[in-house]
Amino acid sequence: MIRVVLPAHLRALARFEGELHLELDEPVTIERVVAAIEERFPMLRGTIRDGATGRRRPYVRYFACERDLSHDATDAELPTRIARGEEPLLIVGAMSGG
C-alpha cells in the first residue's frame, strides 16, 4: 500500500482528510501514483500535473525519504520504503515570494 500526503487545499477539494492509501502494482512511480490519485479523485485532474502535457505544475513538489524528487523522471521507480508503505510520498504545494 502506497501512502500519500497531499496539501490541505487538494484534500479539501477531494473532500477527504488524512493520508491517502493507494494499492499499486510495481513498479511504483510518481506517474503511476498521480494517475491513481486522478482516477480516484477526478476533481484533482489538472491540479498536480498539467492535463495536456502531463508535466508537474510549477508550484507542486514531490518529496520522499528526505529527498526532493520534483525534477526526477516521473517514470523512475520510487524508493523501496515508499513502495512498501514504510514512508509516505509527500506532494507539497511550494511557496514563493519574499
PDB file of N, CA and C in Angstrom:
ATOM      1  N   MET A   1       0.839  -1.180   0.000  1.00  0.00           N
ATOM      2  CA  MET A   1       0.000   0.000   0.000  1.00  0.00           C
ATOM      3  C   MET A   1       0.887   1.247   0.000  1.00  0.00           C
ATOM      4  N   ILE A   2       0.629   2.146  -0.904  1.00  0.00           N
ATOM      5  CA  ILE A   2       1.373   3.391  -1.012  1.00  0.00           C
ATOM      6  C   ILE A   2       0.662   4.437  -0.169  1.00  0.00           C
ATOM      7  N   ARG A   3       1.445   5.176   0.598  1.00  0.00           N
ATOM      8  CA  ARG A   3       0.904   6.259   1.422  1.00  0.00           C
ATOM      9  C   ARG A   3       1.255   7.580   0.756  1.00  0.00           C
ATOM     10  N   VAL A   4       0.270   8.467   0.639  1.00  0.00           N
ATOM     11  CA  VAL A   4       0.478   9.758   0.002  1.00  0.00           C
ATOM     12  C   VAL A   4      -0.097  10.844   0.897  1.00  0.00           C
ATOM     13  N   VAL A   5       0.661  11.913   1.068  1.00  0.00           N
ATOM     14  CA  VAL A   5       0.190  13.083   1.799  1.00  0.00           C
ATOM     15  C   VAL A   5       0.027  14.209   0.780  1.00  0.00           C
ATOM     16  N   LEU A   6      -1.185  14.736   0.701  1.00  0.00           N
ATOM     17  CA  LEU A   6      -1.498  15.834  -0.215  1.00  0.00           C
ATOM     18  C   LEU A   6      -1.630  17.133   0.565  1.00  0.00           C
ATOM     19  N   PRO A   7      -1.435  18.275  -0.100  1.00  0.00           N
ATOM     20  CA  PRO A   7      -1.644  19.562   0.572  1.00  0.00           C
ATOM     21  C   PRO A   7      -3.104  19.722   0.993  1.00  0.00           C
ATOM     22  N   ALA A   8      -3.313  20.523   2.015  1.00  0.00           N
ATOM     23  CA  ALA A   8      -4.653  20.721   2.580  1.00  0.00           C
ATOM     24  C   ALA A   8      -5.667  21.180   1.541  1.00  0.00           C
ATOM     25  N   HIS A   9      -5.272  22.076   0.630  1.00  0.00           N
ATOM     26  CA  HIS A   9      -6.251  22.578  -0.346  1.00  0.00           C
ATOM     27  C   HIS A   9      -6.695  21.483  -1.319  1.00  0.00           C
ATOM     28  N   LEU A  10      -5.819  20.518  -1.638  1.00  0.00           N
ATOM     29  CA  LEU A  10      -6.226  19.417  -2.517  1.00  0.00           C
ATOM     30  C   LEU A  10      -7.077  18.405  -1.755  1.00  0.00           C
ATOM     31  N   ARG A  11      -6.760  18.180  -0.479  1.00  0.00           N
ATOM     32  CA  ARG A  11      -7.605  17.300   0.342  1.00  0.00           C
ATOM     33  C   ARG A  11      -9.006  17.895   0.469  1.00  0.00           C
ATOM     34  N   ALA A  12      -9.085  19.208   0.641  1.00  0.00           N
ATOM     35  CA  ALA A  12     -10.391  19.866   0.746  1.00  0.00           C
ATOM     36  C   ALA A  12     -11.162  19.740  -0.564  1.00  0.00           C
ATOM     37  N   LEU A  13     -10.500  19.925  -1.685  1.00  0.00           N
ATOM     38  CA  LEU A  13     -11.138  19.803  -2.990  1.00  0.00           C
ATOM     39  C   LEU A  13     -11.659  18.385  -3.209  1.00  0.00           C
ATOM     40  N   ALA A  14     -10.886  17.390  -2.779  1.00  0.00           N
ATOM     41  CA  ALA A  14     -11.276  15.990  -2.946  1.00  0.00           C
ATOM     42  C   ALA A  14     -12.191  15.500  -1.822  1.00  0.00           C
ATOM     43  N   ARG A  15     -12.350  16.323  -0.801  1.00  0.00           N
ATOM     44  CA  ARG A  15     -13.217  16.018   0.345  1.00  0.00           C
ATOM     45  C   ARG A  15     -12.782  14.765   1.094  1.00  0.00           C
ATOM     46  N   PHE A  16     -11.513  14.736   1.478  1.00  0.00           N
ATOM     47  CA  PHE A  16     -11.040  13.682   2.369  1.00  0.00           C
ATOM     48  C   PHE A  16     -10.019  14.277   3.313  1.00  0.00           C
ATOM     49  N   GLU A  17      -9.822  13.602   4.424  1.00  0.00           N
ATOM     50  CA  GLU A  17      -8.863  14.054   5.424  1.00  0.00           C
ATOM     51  C   GLU A  17      -7.804  12.982   5.628  1.00  0.00           C
ATOM     52  N   GLY A  18      -6.658  13.424   6.090  1.00  0.00           N
ATOM     53  CA  GLY A  18      -5.602  12.483   6.438  1.00  0.00           C
ATOM     54  C   GLY A  18      -4.794  12.020   5.249  1.00  0.00           C
ATOM     55  N   GLU A  19      -4.167  10.888   5.457  1.00  0.00           N
ATOM     56  CA  GLU A  19      -3.270  10.302   4.474  1.00  0.00           C
ATOM     57  C   GLU A  19      -4.061   9.472   3.468  1.00  0.00           C
ATOM     58  N   LEU A  20      -3.647   9.510   2.227  1.00  0.00           N
ATOM     59  CA  LEU A  20      -4.277   8.734   1.161  1.00  0.00           C
ATOM     60  C   LEU A  20      -3.531   7.404   1.029  1.00  0.00           C
ATOM     61  N   HIS A  21      -4.269   6.307   0.912  1.00  0.00           N
ATOM     62  CA  HIS A  21      -3.657   4.989   0.723  1.00  0.00           C
ATOM     63  C   HIS A  21      -4.068   4.450  -0.635  1.00  0.00           C
ATOM     64  N   LEU A  22      -3.076   4.029  -1.411  1.00  0.00           N
ATOM     65  CA  LEU A  22      -3.319   3.516  -2.758  1.00  0.00           C
ATOM     66  C   LEU A  22      -2.706   2.137  -2.911  1.00  0.00           C
ATOM     67  N   GLU A  23      -3.408   1.260  -3.586  1.00  0.00           N
ATOM     68  CA  GLU A  23      -2.873  -0.053  -3.939  1.00  0.00           C
ATOM     69  C   GLU A  23      -2.340   0.039  -5.361  1.00  0.00           C
ATOM     70  N   LEU A  24      -1.039  -0.132  -5.519  1.00  0.00           N
ATOM     71  CA  LEU A  24      -0.412  -0.075  -6.845  1.00  0.00           C
ATOM     72  C   LEU A  24       0.508  -1.274  -7.015  1.00  0.00           C
ATOM     73  N   ASP A  25       0.527  -1.806  -8.221  1.00  0.00           N
ATOM     74  CA  ASP A  25       1.495  -2.847  -8.549  1.00  0.00           C
ATOM     75  C   ASP A  25       2.830  -2.183  -8.840  1.00  0.00           C
ATOM     76  N   GLU A  26       3.880  -2.953  -8.720  1.00  0.00           N
ATOM     77  CA  GLU A  26       5.208  -2.427  -9.042  1.00  0.00           C
ATOM     78  C   GLU A  26       5.357  -2.369 -10.553  1.00  0.00           C
ATOM     79  N   PRO A  27       6.147  -1.498 -11.076  1.00  0.00           N
ATOM     80  CA  PRO A  27       6.973  -0.523 -10.389  1.00  0.00           C
ATOM     81  C   PRO A  27       6.139   0.676  -9.921  1.00  0.00           C
ATOM     82  N   VAL A  28       6.464   1.165  -8.755  1.00  0.00           N
ATOM     83  CA  VAL A  28       5.782   2.329  -8.194  1.00  0.00           C
ATOM     84  C   VAL A  28       6.545   3.571  -8.638  1.00  0.00           C
ATOM     85  N   THR A  29       5.873   4.427  -9.394  1.00  0.00           N
ATOM     86  CA  THR A  29       6.476   5.651  -9.922  1.00  0.00           C
ATOM     87  C   THR A  29       5.576   6.839  -9.590  1.00  0.00           C
ATOM     88  N   ILE A  30       6.123   8.022  -9.677  1.00  0.00           N
ATOM     89  CA  ILE A  30       5.306   9.222  -9.476  1.00  0.00           C
ATOM     90  C   ILE A  30       4.182   9.252 -10.504  1.00  0.00           C
ATOM     91  N   GLU A  31       4.487   8.918 -11.725  1.00  0.00           N
ATOM     92  CA  GLU A  31       3.480   8.897 -12.798  1.00  0.00           C
ATOM     93  C   GLU A  31       2.295   8.015 -12.412  1.00  0.00           C
ATOM     94  N   ARG A  32       2.577   6.817 -11.925  1.00  0.00           N
ATOM     95  CA  ARG A  32       1.512   5.873 -11.570  1.00  0.00           C
ATOM     96  C   ARG A  32       0.748   6.334 -10.330  1.00  0.00           C
ATOM     97  N   VAL A  33       1.445   6.927  -9.364  1.00  0.00           N
ATOM     98  CA  VAL A  33       0.783   7.430  -8.164  1.00  0.00           C
ATOM     99  C   VAL A  33      -0.175   8.564  -8.529  1.00  0.00           C
ATOM    100  N   VAL A  34       0.302   9.529  -9.314  1.00  0.00           N
ATOM    101  CA  VAL A  34      -0.554  10.662  -9.685  1.00  0.00           C
ATOM    102  C   VAL A  34      -1.728  10.182 -10.540  1.00  0.00           C
ATOM    103  N   ALA A  35      -1.501   9.242 -11.441  1.00  0.00           N
ATOM    104  CA  ALA A  35      -2.596   8.702 -12.255  1.00  0.00           C
ATOM    105  C   ALA A  35      -3.642   8.030 -11.367  1.00  0.00           C
ATOM    106  N   ALA A  36      -3.212   7.307 -10.346  1.00  0.00           N
ATOM    107  CA  ALA A  36      -4.148   6.644  -9.424  1.00  0.00           C
ATOM    108  C   ALA A  36      -4.937   7.678  -8.616  1.00  0.00           C
ATOM    109  N   ILE A  37      -4.264   8.758  -8.206  1.00  0.00           N
ATOM    110  CA  ILE A  37      -4.953   9.824  -7.480  1.00  0.00           C
ATOM    111  C   ILE A  37      -6.018  10.451  -8.374  1.00  0.00           C
ATOM    112  N   GLU A  38      -5.652  10.761  -9.618  1.00  0.00           N
ATOM    113  CA  GLU A  38      -6.601  11.391 -10.544  1.00  0.00           C
ATOM    114  C   GLU A  38      -7.760  10.459 -10.896  1.00  0.00           C
ATOM    115  N   GLU A  39      -7.502   9.171 -10.945  1.00  0.00           N
ATOM    116  CA  GLU A  39      -8.577   8.216 -11.230  1.00  0.00           C
ATOM    117  C   GLU A  39      -9.553   8.131 -10.051  1.00  0.00           C
ATOM    118  N   ARG A  40      -9.004   8.111  -8.853  1.00  0.00           N
ATOM    119  CA  ARG A  40      -9.844   8.002  -7.652  1.00  0.00           C
ATOM    120  C   ARG A  40     -10.573   9.312  -7.342  1.00  0.00           C
ATOM    121  N   PHE A  41      -9.905  10.425  -7.626  1.00  0.00           N
ATOM    122  CA  PHE A  41     -10.465  11.753  -7.352  1.00  0.00           C
ATOM    123  C   PHE A  41     -10.418  12.588  -8.631  1.00  0.00           C
ATOM    124  N   PRO A  42     -11.378  12.402  -9.538  1.00  0.00           N
ATOM    125  CA  PRO A  42     -11.360  13.121 -10.820  1.00  0.00           C
ATOM    126  C   PRO A  42     -11.298  14.634 -10.676  1.00  0.00           C
ATOM    127  N   MET A  43     -11.799  15.164  -9.555  1.00  0.00           N
ATOM    128  CA  MET A  43     -11.762  16.612  -9.360  1.00  0.00           C
ATOM    129  C   MET A  43     -10.340  17.137  -9.190  1.00  0.00           C
ATOM    130  N   LEU A  44      -9.372  16.243  -8.982  1.00  0.00           N
ATOM    131  CA  LEU A  44      -7.974  16.661  -8.845  1.00  0.00           C
ATOM    132  C   LEU A  44      -7.209  16.642 -10.171  1.00  0.00           C
ATOM    133  N   ARG A  45      -7.855  16.200 -11.241  1.00  0.00           N
ATOM    134  CA  ARG A  45      -7.180  16.203 -12.548  1.00  0.00           C
ATOM    135  C   ARG A  45      -6.766  17.616 -12.903  1.00  0.00           C
ATOM    136  N   GLY A  46      -5.528  17.763 -13.263  1.00  0.00           N
ATOM    137  CA  GLY A  46      -5.004  19.073 -13.643  1.00  0.00           C
ATOM    138  C   GLY A  46      -4.486  19.899 -12.485  1.00  0.00           C
ATOM    139  N   THR A  47      -4.632  19.430 -11.257  1.00  0.00           N
ATOM    140  CA  THR A  47      -4.155  20.204 -10.110  1.00  0.00           C
ATOM    141  C   THR A  47      -2.721  19.861  -9.727  1.00  0.00           C
ATOM    142  N   ILE A  48      -2.308  18.631  -9.957  1.00  0.00           N
ATOM    143  CA  ILE A  48      -0.956  18.187  -9.621  1.00  0.00           C
ATOM    144  C   ILE A  48      -0.064  18.268 -10.855  1.00  0.00           C
ATOM    145  N   ARG A  49      -0.617  17.898 -11.979  1.00  0.00           N
ATOM    146  CA  ARG A  49       0.116  17.969 -13.251  1.00  0.00           C
ATOM    147  C   ARG A  49      -0.792  18.541 -14.318  1.00  0.00           C
ATOM    148  N   ASP A  50      -0.195  19.136 -15.314  1.00  0.00           N
ATOM    149  CA  ASP A  50      -0.935  19.725 -16.424  1.00  0.00           C
ATOM    150  C   ASP A  50      -1.669  18.619 -17.188  1.00  0.00           C
ATOM    151  N   GLY A  51      -2.945  18.824 -17.444  1.00  0.00           N
ATOM    152  CA  GLY A  51      -3.739  17.813 -18.126  1.00  0.00           C
ATOM    153  C   GLY A  51      -3.311  17.545 -19.552  1.00  0.00           C
ATOM    154  N   ALA A  52      -2.781  18.547 -20.242  1.00  0.00           N
ATOM    155  CA  ALA A  52      -2.387  18.382 -21.645  1.00  0.00           C
ATOM    156  C   ALA A  52      -0.985  17.796 -21.783  1.00  0.00           C
ATOM    157  N   THR A  53      -0.052  18.271 -20.975  1.00  0.00           N
ATOM    158  CA  THR A  53       1.341  17.837 -21.134  1.00  0.00           C
ATOM    159  C   THR A  53       1.754  16.752 -20.146  1.00  0.00           C
ATOM    160  N   GLY A  54       1.025  16.620 -19.035  1.00  0.00           N
ATOM    161  CA  GLY A  54       1.403  15.653 -18.007  1.00  0.00           C
ATOM    162  C   GLY A  54       2.544  16.122 -17.124  1.00  0.00           C
ATOM    163  N   ARG A  55       3.006  17.350 -17.335  1.00  0.00           N
ATOM    164  CA  ARG A  55       4.118  17.889 -16.545  1.00  0.00           C
ATOM    165  C   ARG A  55       3.636  18.398 -15.197  1.00  0.00           C
ATOM    166  N   ARG A  56       4.491  18.256 -14.212  1.00  0.00           N
ATOM    167  CA  ARG A  56       4.198  18.724 -12.858  1.00  0.00           C
ATOM    168  C   ARG A  56       3.901  20.212 -12.886  1.00  0.00           C
ATOM    169  N   ARG A  57       2.892  20.617 -12.134  1.00  0.00           N
ATOM    170  CA  ARG A  57       2.573  22.043 -12.017  1.00  0.00           C
ATOM    171  C   ARG A  57       3.751  22.774 -11.370  1.00  0.00           C
ATOM    172  N   PRO A  58       3.984  24.040 -11.739  1.00  0.00           N
ATOM    173  CA  PRO A  58       5.156  24.770 -11.248  1.00  0.00           C
ATOM    174  C   PRO A  58       5.287  24.852  -9.733  1.00  0.00           C
ATOM    175  N   TYR A  59       4.200  24.959  -9.017  1.00  0.00           N
ATOM    176  CA  TYR A  59       4.296  25.120  -7.563  1.00  0.00           C
ATOM    177  C   TYR A  59       3.950  23.844  -6.800  1.00  0.00           C
ATOM    178  N   VAL A  60       4.160  22.722  -7.445  1.00  0.00           N
ATOM    179  CA  VAL A  60       3.963  21.423  -6.797  1.00  0.00           C
ATOM    180  C   VAL A  60       5.318  20.742  -6.728  1.00  0.00           C
ATOM    181  N   ARG A  61       5.603  20.145  -5.573  1.00  0.00           N
ATOM    182  CA  ARG A  61       6.865  19.426  -5.373  1.00  0.00           C
ATOM    183  C   ARG A  61       6.569  18.041  -4.827  1.00  0.00           C
ATOM    184  N   TYR A  62       7.456  17.096  -5.158  1.00  0.00           N
ATOM    185  CA  TYR A  62       7.364  15.720  -4.669  1.00  0.00           C
ATOM    186  C   TYR A  62       8.549  15.458  -3.751  1.00  0.00           C
ATOM    187  N   PHE A  63       8.272  14.926  -2.564  1.00  0.00           N
ATOM    188  CA  PHE A  63       9.326  14.581  -1.622  1.00  0.00           C
ATOM    189  C   PHE A  63       9.112  13.158  -1.127  1.00  0.00           C
ATOM    190  N   ALA A  64      10.216  12.435  -0.957  1.00  0.00           N
ATOM    191  CA  ALA A  64      10.166  11.087  -0.395  1.00  0.00           C
ATOM    192  C   ALA A  64      11.520  10.771   0.219  1.00  0.00           C
ATOM    193  N   CYS A  65      11.481  10.160   1.382  1.00  0.00           N
ATOM    194  CA  CYS A  65      12.704   9.711   2.047  1.00  0.00           C
ATOM    195  C   CYS A  65      13.724  10.842   2.172  1.00  0.00           C
ATOM    196  N   GLU A  66      13.228  12.018   2.566  1.00  0.00           N
ATOM    197  CA  GLU A  66      14.055  13.201   2.782  1.00  0.00           C
ATOM    198  C   GLU A  66      14.762  13.689   1.518  1.00  0.00           C
ATOM    199  N   ARG A  67      14.168  13.406   0.354  1.00  0.00           N
ATOM    200  CA  ARG A  67      14.723  13.843  -0.927  1.00  0.00           C
ATOM    201  C   ARG A  67      13.655  14.578  -1.730  1.00  0.00           C
ATOM    202  N   ASP A  68      14.097  15.597  -2.454  1.00  0.00           N
ATOM    203  CA  ASP A  68      13.225  16.293  -3.388  1.00  0.00           C
ATOM    204  C   ASP A  68      13.268  15.524  -4.707  1.00  0.00           C
ATOM    205  N   LEU A  69      12.144  14.942  -5.088  1.00  0.00           N
ATOM    206  CA  LEU A  69      12.061  14.152  -6.325  1.00  0.00           C
ATOM    207  C   LEU A  69      11.403  14.936  -7.454  1.00  0.00           C
ATOM    208  N   SER A  70      11.195  16.215  -7.234  1.00  0.00           N
ATOM    209  CA  SER A  70      10.430  17.033  -8.171  1.00  0.00           C
ATOM    210  C   SER A  70      10.999  17.058  -9.576  1.00  0.00           C
ATOM    211  N   HIS A  71      12.294  16.951  -9.709  1.00  0.00           N
ATOM    212  CA  HIS A  71      12.910  17.035 -11.035  1.00  0.00           C
ATOM    213  C   HIS A  71      13.362  15.679 -11.568  1.00  0.00           C
ATOM    214  N   ASP A  72      13.078  14.613 -10.814  1.00  0.00           N
ATOM    215  CA  ASP A  72      13.372  13.264 -11.296  1.00  0.00           C
ATOM    216  C   ASP A  72      12.366  12.896 -12.382  1.00  0.00           C
ATOM    217  N   ALA A  73      12.719  11.931 -13.208  1.00  0.00           N
ATOM    218  CA  ALA A  73      11.789  11.440 -14.226  1.00  0.00           C
ATOM    219  C   ALA A  73      10.573  10.836 -13.532  1.00  0.00           C
ATOM    220  N   THR A  74       9.382  11.136 -14.025  1.00  0.00           N
ATOM    221  CA  THR A  74       8.166  10.653 -13.368  1.00  0.00           C
ATOM    222  C   THR A  74       7.968   9.152 -13.540  1.00  0.00           C
ATOM    223  N   ASP A  75       8.718   8.542 -14.471  1.00  0.00           N
ATOM    224  CA  ASP A  75       8.612   7.087 -14.635  1.00  0.00           C
ATOM    225  C   ASP A  75       9.737   6.340 -13.920  1.00  0.00           C
ATOM    226  N   ALA A  76      10.547   7.058 -13.132  1.00  0.00           N
ATOM    227  CA  ALA A  76      11.596   6.416 -12.327  1.00  0.00           C
ATOM    228  C   ALA A  76      10.948   5.776 -11.102  1.00  0.00           C
ATOM    229  N   GLU A  77      11.444   4.614 -10.718  1.00  0.00           N
ATOM    230  CA  GLU A  77      10.887   3.936  -9.545  1.00  0.00           C
ATOM    231  C   GLU A  77      11.135   4.754  -8.285  1.00  0.00           C
ATOM    232  N   LEU A  78      10.118   4.815  -7.443  1.00  0.00           N
ATOM    233  CA  LEU A  78      10.246   5.493  -6.160  1.00  0.00           C
ATOM    234  C   LEU A  78      11.052   4.617  -5.200  1.00  0.00           C
ATOM    235  N   PRO A  79      11.626   5.211  -4.162  1.00  0.00           N
ATOM    236  CA  PRO A  79      12.398   4.427  -3.201  1.00  0.00           C
ATOM    237  C   PRO A  79      11.586   3.255  -2.622  1.00  0.00           C
ATOM    238  N   THR A  80      12.276   2.196  -2.298  1.00  0.00           N
ATOM    239  CA  THR A  80      11.646   0.985  -1.775  1.00  0.00           C
ATOM    240  C   THR A  80      10.793   1.265  -0.552  1.00  0.00           C
ATOM    241  N   ARG A  81      11.241   2.153   0.321  1.00  0.00           N
ATOM    242  CA  ARG A  81      10.464   2.468   1.533  1.00  0.00           C
ATOM    243  C   ARG A  81       9.104   3.074   1.186  1.00  0.00           C
ATOM    244  N   ILE A  82       9.003   3.762   0.069  1.00  0.00           N
ATOM    245  CA  ILE A  82       7.713   4.301  -0.381  1.00  0.00           C
ATOM    246  C   ILE A  82       6.865   3.163  -0.936  1.00  0.00           C
ATOM    247  N   ALA A  83       7.455   2.330  -1.788  1.00  0.00           N
ATOM    248  CA  ALA A  83       6.733   1.211  -2.405  1.00  0.00           C
ATOM    249  C   ALA A  83       6.196   0.240  -1.355  1.00  0.00           C
ATOM    250  N   ARG A  84       6.894   0.095  -0.249  1.00  0.00           N
ATOM    251  CA  ARG A  84       6.459  -0.802   0.830  1.00  0.00           C
ATOM    252  C   ARG A  84       5.480  -0.136   1.798  1.00  0.00           C
ATOM    253  N   GLY A  85       5.269   1.162   1.656  1.00  0.00           N
ATOM    254  CA  GLY A  85       4.371   1.882   2.546  1.00  0.00           C
ATOM    255  C   GLY A  85       4.991   2.247   3.877  1.00  0.00           C
ATOM    256  N   GLU A  86       6.311   2.138   3.973  1.00  0.00           N
ATOM    257  CA  GLU A  86       7.002   2.471   5.216  1.00  0.00           C
ATOM    258  C   GLU A  86       7.077   3.979   5.437  1.00  0.00           C
ATOM    259  N   GLU A  87       7.123   4.724   4.341  1.00  0.00           N
ATOM    260  CA  GLU A  87       7.153   6.189   4.388  1.00  0.00           C
ATOM    261  C   GLU A  87       6.189   6.718   3.340  1.00  0.00           C
ATOM    262  N   PRO A  88       5.630   7.901   3.555  1.00  0.00           N
ATOM    263  CA  PRO A  88       4.698   8.458   2.568  1.00  0.00           C
ATOM    264  C   PRO A  88       5.429   9.243   1.481  1.00  0.00           C
ATOM    265  N   LEU A  89       4.785   9.312   0.329  1.00  0.00           N
ATOM    266  CA  LEU A  89       5.180  10.250  -0.702  1.00  0.00           C
ATOM    267  C   LEU A  89       4.482  11.554  -0.369  1.00  0.00           C
ATOM    268  N   LEU A  90       5.237  12.618  -0.288  1.00  0.00           N
ATOM    269  CA  LEU A  90       4.669  13.929   0.038  1.00  0.00           C
ATOM    270  C   LEU A  90       4.507  14.726  -1.243  1.00  0.00           C
ATOM    271  N   ILE A  91       3.304  15.165  -1.528  1.00  0.00           N
ATOM    272  CA  ILE A  91       3.048  16.075  -2.629  1.00  0.00           C
ATOM    273  C   ILE A  91       2.751  17.408  -1.972  1.00  0.00           C
ATOM    274  N   VAL A  92       3.625  18.370  -2.215  1.00  0.00           N
ATOM    275  CA  VAL A  92       3.631  19.606  -1.444  1.00  0.00           C
ATOM    276  C   VAL A  92       3.377  20.791  -2.363  1.00  0.00           C
ATOM    277  N   GLY A  93       2.563  21.710  -1.901  1.00  0.00           N
ATOM    278  CA  GLY A  93       2.373  22.983  -2.591  1.00  0.00           C
ATOM    279  C   GLY A  93       3.502  23.919  -2.195  1.00  0.00           C
ATOM    280  N   ALA A  94       4.373  24.247  -3.150  1.00  0.00           N
ATOM    281  CA  ALA A  94       5.528  25.113  -2.875  1.00  0.00           C
ATOM    282  C   ALA A  94       5.079  26.561  -2.699  1.00  0.00           C
ATOM    283  N   MET A  95       5.927  27.323  -2.052  1.00  0.00           N
ATOM    284  CA  MET A  95       5.652  28.746  -1.834  1.00  0.00           C
ATOM    285  C   MET A  95       6.778  29.570  -2.471  1.00  0.00           C
ATOM    286  N   SER A  96       6.446  30.777  -2.843  1.00  0.00           N
ATOM    287  CA  SER A  96       7.472  31.671  -3.367  1.00  0.00           C
ATOM    288  C   SER A  96       7.159  33.083  -2.869  1.00  0.00           C
ATOM    289  N   GLY A  97       8.073  33.938  -3.095  1.00  0.00           N
ATOM    290  CA  GLY A  97       7.873  35.327  -2.684  1.00  0.00           C
ATOM    291  C   GLY A  97       8.852  35.709  -1.600  1.00  0.00           C
ATOM    292  N   GLY A  98       8.709  36.904  -1.118  1.00  0.00           N
ATOM    293  CA  GLY A  98       9.682  37.369  -0.148  1.00  0.00           C
ATOM    294  C   GLY A  98       9.069  37.912   1.087  1.00  0.00           C
TER     295      GLY A  98
END
